Amino acid sequence: MPPASSPCQLRFACWNSGFDRSVTVALGLAFCSVRVR
């Protein structure tokens, strides 16, 4: 799992620690992108 570039991604990854890593990364990036906008 790549290092989080923002606190949002860190929190999302931690919250989804039980999910598949690739899914966590994909959802985390998408979720953070939407939140930033």
PDB file of N, CA and C in Angstrom:
ATOM      1  N   MET A   1       0.845  -1.188   0.000  1.00  0.00           N
ATOM      2  CA  MET A   1       0.000   0.000   0.000  1.00  0.00           C
ATOM      3  C   MET A   1       0.886   1.245   0.000  1.00  0.00           C
ATOM      4  N   PRO A   2       0.684   2.156  -0.937  1.00  0.00           N
ATOM      5  CA  PRO A   2       1.522   3.354  -1.031  1.00  0.00           C
ATOM      6  C   PRO A   2       1.282   4.274   0.155  1.00  0.00           C
ATOM      7  N   PRO A   3       2.269   5.071   0.530  1.00  0.00           N
ATOM      8  CA  PRO A   3       2.110   6.000   1.652  1.00  0.00           C
ATOM      9  C   PRO A   3       1.030   7.029   1.367  1.00  0.00           C
ATOM     10  N   ALA A   4       0.232   7.323   2.363  1.00  0.00           N
ATOM     11  CA  ALA A   4      -0.861   8.283   2.178  1.00  0.00           C
ATOM     12  C   ALA A   4      -0.302   9.682   1.973  1.00  0.00           C
ATOM     13  N   SER A   5      -0.855  10.415   1.030  1.00  0.00           N
ATOM     14  CA  SER A   5      -0.369  11.768   0.734  1.00  0.00           C
ATOM     15  C   SER A   5      -1.193  12.821   1.478  1.00  0.00           C
ATOM     16  N   SER A   6      -2.193  12.368   2.242  1.00  0.00           N
ATOM     17  CA  SER A   6      -3.027  13.320   2.977  1.00  0.00           C
ATOM     18  C   SER A   6      -3.673  12.626   4.171  1.00  0.00           C
ATOM     19  N   PRO A   7      -4.029  13.395   5.216  1.00  0.00           N
ATOM     20  CA  PRO A   7      -4.698  12.811   6.387  1.00  0.00           C
ATOM     21  C   PRO A   7      -5.985  12.088   6.020  1.00  0.00           C
ATOM     22  N   CYS A   8      -6.664  12.582   4.985  1.00  0.00           N
ATOM     23  CA  CYS A   8      -7.912  11.951   4.549  1.00  0.00           C
ATOM     24  C   CYS A   8      -7.645  10.519   4.114  1.00  0.00           C
ATOM     25  N   GLN A   9      -6.617  10.325   3.286  1.00  0.00           N
ATOM     26  CA  GLN A   9      -6.294   8.983   2.812  1.00  0.00           C
ATOM     27  C   GLN A   9      -5.871   8.090   3.973  1.00  0.00           C
ATOM     28  N   LEU A  10      -5.127   8.660   4.920  1.00  0.00           N
ATOM     29  CA  LEU A  10      -4.696   7.892   6.086  1.00  0.00           C
ATOM     30  C   LEU A  10      -5.902   7.406   6.866  1.00  0.00           C
ATOM     31  N   ARG A  11      -6.835   8.291   7.150  1.00  0.00           N
ATOM     32  CA  ARG A  11      -8.037   7.938   7.908  1.00  0.00           C
ATOM     33  C   ARG A  11      -8.872   6.923   7.144  1.00  0.00           C
ATOM     34  N   PHE A  12      -8.994   7.094   5.834  1.00  0.00           N
ATOM     35  CA  PHE A  12      -9.797   6.188   5.028  1.00  0.00           C
ATOM     36  C   PHE A  12      -9.181   4.797   5.017  1.00  0.00           C
ATOM     37  N   ALA A  13      -7.850   4.738   4.877  1.00  0.00           N
ATOM     38  CA  ALA A  13      -7.158   3.450   4.859  1.00  0.00           C
ATOM     39  C   ALA A  13      -7.322   2.751   6.208  1.00  0.00           C
ATOM     40  N   CYS A  14      -7.227   3.520   7.280  1.00  0.00           N
ATOM     41  CA  CYS A  14      -7.364   2.941   8.620  1.00  0.00           C
ATOM     42  C   CYS A  14      -8.788   2.438   8.821  1.00  0.00           C
ATOM     43  N   TRP A  15      -9.776   3.223   8.380  1.00  0.00           N
ATOM     44  CA  TRP A  15     -11.185   2.853   8.544  1.00  0.00           C
ATOM     45  C   TRP A  15     -11.517   1.597   7.748  1.00  0.00           C
ATOM     46  N   ASN A  16     -10.858   1.425   6.593  1.00  0.00           N
ATOM     47  CA  ASN A  16     -11.130   0.282   5.729  1.00  0.00           C
ATOM     48  C   ASN A  16     -10.056  -0.788   5.869  1.00  0.00           C
ATOM     49  N   SER A  17      -9.424  -0.872   7.049  1.00  0.00           N
ATOM     50  CA  SER A  17      -8.326  -1.818   7.241  1.00  0.00           C
ATOM     51  C   SER A  17      -8.765  -3.256   6.973  1.00  0.00           C
ATOM     52  N   GLY A  18     -10.071  -3.540   7.038  1.00  0.00           N
ATOM     53  CA  GLY A  18     -10.555  -4.894   6.835  1.00  0.00           C
ATOM     54  C   GLY A  18     -10.823  -5.213   5.365  1.00  0.00           C
ATOM     55  N   PHE A  19     -10.778  -4.206   4.499  1.00  0.00           N
ATOM     56  CA  PHE A  19     -11.058  -4.428   3.085  1.00  0.00           C
ATOM     57  C   PHE A  19      -9.785  -4.788   2.324  1.00  0.00           C
ATOM     58  N   ASP A  20      -9.963  -5.221   1.107  1.00  0.00           N
ATOM     59  CA  ASP A  20      -8.811  -5.527   0.252  1.00  0.00           C
ATOM     60  C   ASP A  20      -8.022  -4.243   0.005  1.00  0.00           C
ATOM     61  N   ARG A  21      -6.702  -4.347  -0.007  1.00  0.00           N
ATOM     62  CA  ARG A  21      -5.857  -3.154  -0.140  1.00  0.00           C
ATOM     63  C   ARG A  21      -6.150  -2.388  -1.422  1.00  0.00           C
ATOM     64  N   SER A  22      -6.258  -3.079  -2.537  1.00  0.00           N
ATOM     65  CA  SER A  22      -6.501  -2.387  -3.806  1.00  0.00           C
ATOM     66  C   SER A  22      -7.832  -1.643  -3.765  1.00  0.00           C
ATOM     67  N   VAL A  23      -8.824  -2.254  -3.142  1.00  0.00           N
ATOM     68  CA  VAL A  23     -10.134  -1.608  -3.034  1.00  0.00           C
ATOM     69  C   VAL A  23     -10.034  -0.390  -2.131  1.00  0.00           C
ATOM     70  N   THR A  24      -9.297  -0.545  -1.022  1.00  0.00           N
ATOM     71  CA  THR A  24      -9.135   0.566  -0.079  1.00  0.00           C
ATOM     72  C   THR A  24      -8.471   1.752  -0.759  1.00  0.00           C
ATOM     73  N   VAL A  25      -7.403   1.474  -1.524  1.00  0.00           N
ATOM     74  CA  VAL A  25      -6.683   2.544  -2.210  1.00  0.00           C
ATOM     75  C   VAL A  25      -7.584   3.227  -3.232  1.00  0.00           C
ATOM     76  N   ALA A  26      -8.303   2.431  -4.033  1.00  0.00           N
ATOM     77  CA  ALA A  26      -9.160   2.988  -5.073  1.00  0.00           C
ATOM     78  C   ALA A  26     -10.269   3.855  -4.454  1.00  0.00           C
ATOM     79  N   LEU A  27     -10.950   3.309  -3.441  1.00  0.00           N
ATOM     80  CA  LEU A  27     -12.028   4.057  -2.802  1.00  0.00           C
ATOM     81  C   LEU A  27     -11.480   5.278  -2.074  1.00  0.00           C
ATOM     82  N   GLY A  28     -10.331   5.107  -1.439  1.00  0.00           N
ATOM     83  CA  GLY A  28      -9.718   6.229  -0.712  1.00  0.00           C
ATOM     84  C   GLY A  28      -9.395   7.384  -1.643  1.00  0.00           C
ATOM     85  N   LEU A  29      -8.771   7.064  -2.776  1.00  0.00           N
ATOM     86  CA  LEU A  29      -8.416   8.120  -3.723  1.00  0.00           C
ATOM     87  C   LEU A  29      -9.668   8.787  -4.274  1.00  0.00           C
ATOM     88  N   ALA A  30     -10.672   7.994  -4.634  1.00  0.00           N
ATOM     89  CA  ALA A  30     -11.901   8.551  -5.194  1.00  0.00           C
ATOM     90  C   ALA A  30     -12.615   9.412  -4.148  1.00  0.00           C
ATOM     91  N   PHE A  31     -12.712   8.888  -2.923  1.00  0.00           N
ATOM     92  CA  PHE A  31     -13.399   9.610  -1.855  1.00  0.00           C
ATOM     93  C   PHE A  31     -12.699  10.926  -1.562  1.00  0.00           C
ATOM     94  N   CYS A  32     -11.370  10.890  -1.474  1.00  0.00           N
ATOM     95  CA  CYS A  32     -10.615  12.111  -1.175  1.00  0.00           C
ATOM     96  C   CYS A  32     -10.736  13.110  -2.324  1.00  0.00           C
ATOM     97  N   SER A  33     -10.740  12.614  -3.552  1.00  0.00           N
ATOM     98  CA  SER A  33     -10.860  13.513  -4.703  1.00  0.00           C
ATOM     99  C   SER A  33     -12.205  14.241  -4.658  1.00  0.00           C
ATOM    100  N   VAL A  34     -13.249  13.514  -4.302  1.00  0.00           N
ATOM    101  CA  VAL A  34     -14.586  14.123  -4.237  1.00  0.00           C
ATOM    102  C   VAL A  34     -14.640  15.133  -3.101  1.00  0.00           C
ATOM    103  N   ARG A  35     -14.029  14.787  -1.962  1.00  0.00           N
ATOM    104  CA  ARG A  35     -14.054  15.675  -0.809  1.00  0.00           C
ATOM    105  C   ARG A  35     -13.279  16.966  -1.083  1.00  0.00           C
ATOM    106  N   VAL A  36     -12.182  16.859  -1.828  1.00  0.00           N
ATOM    107  CA  VAL A  36     -11.363  18.036  -2.127  1.00  0.00           C
ATOM    108  C   VAL A  36     -12.147  18.995  -3.015  1.00  0.00           C
ATOM    109  N   ARG A  37     -12.903  18.432  -3.949  1.00  0.00           N
ATOM    110  CA  ARG A  37     -13.696  19.282  -4.832  1.00  0.00           C
ATOM    111  C   ARG A  37     -14.853  19.884  -4.045  1.00  0.00           C
TER     112      ARG A  37
END
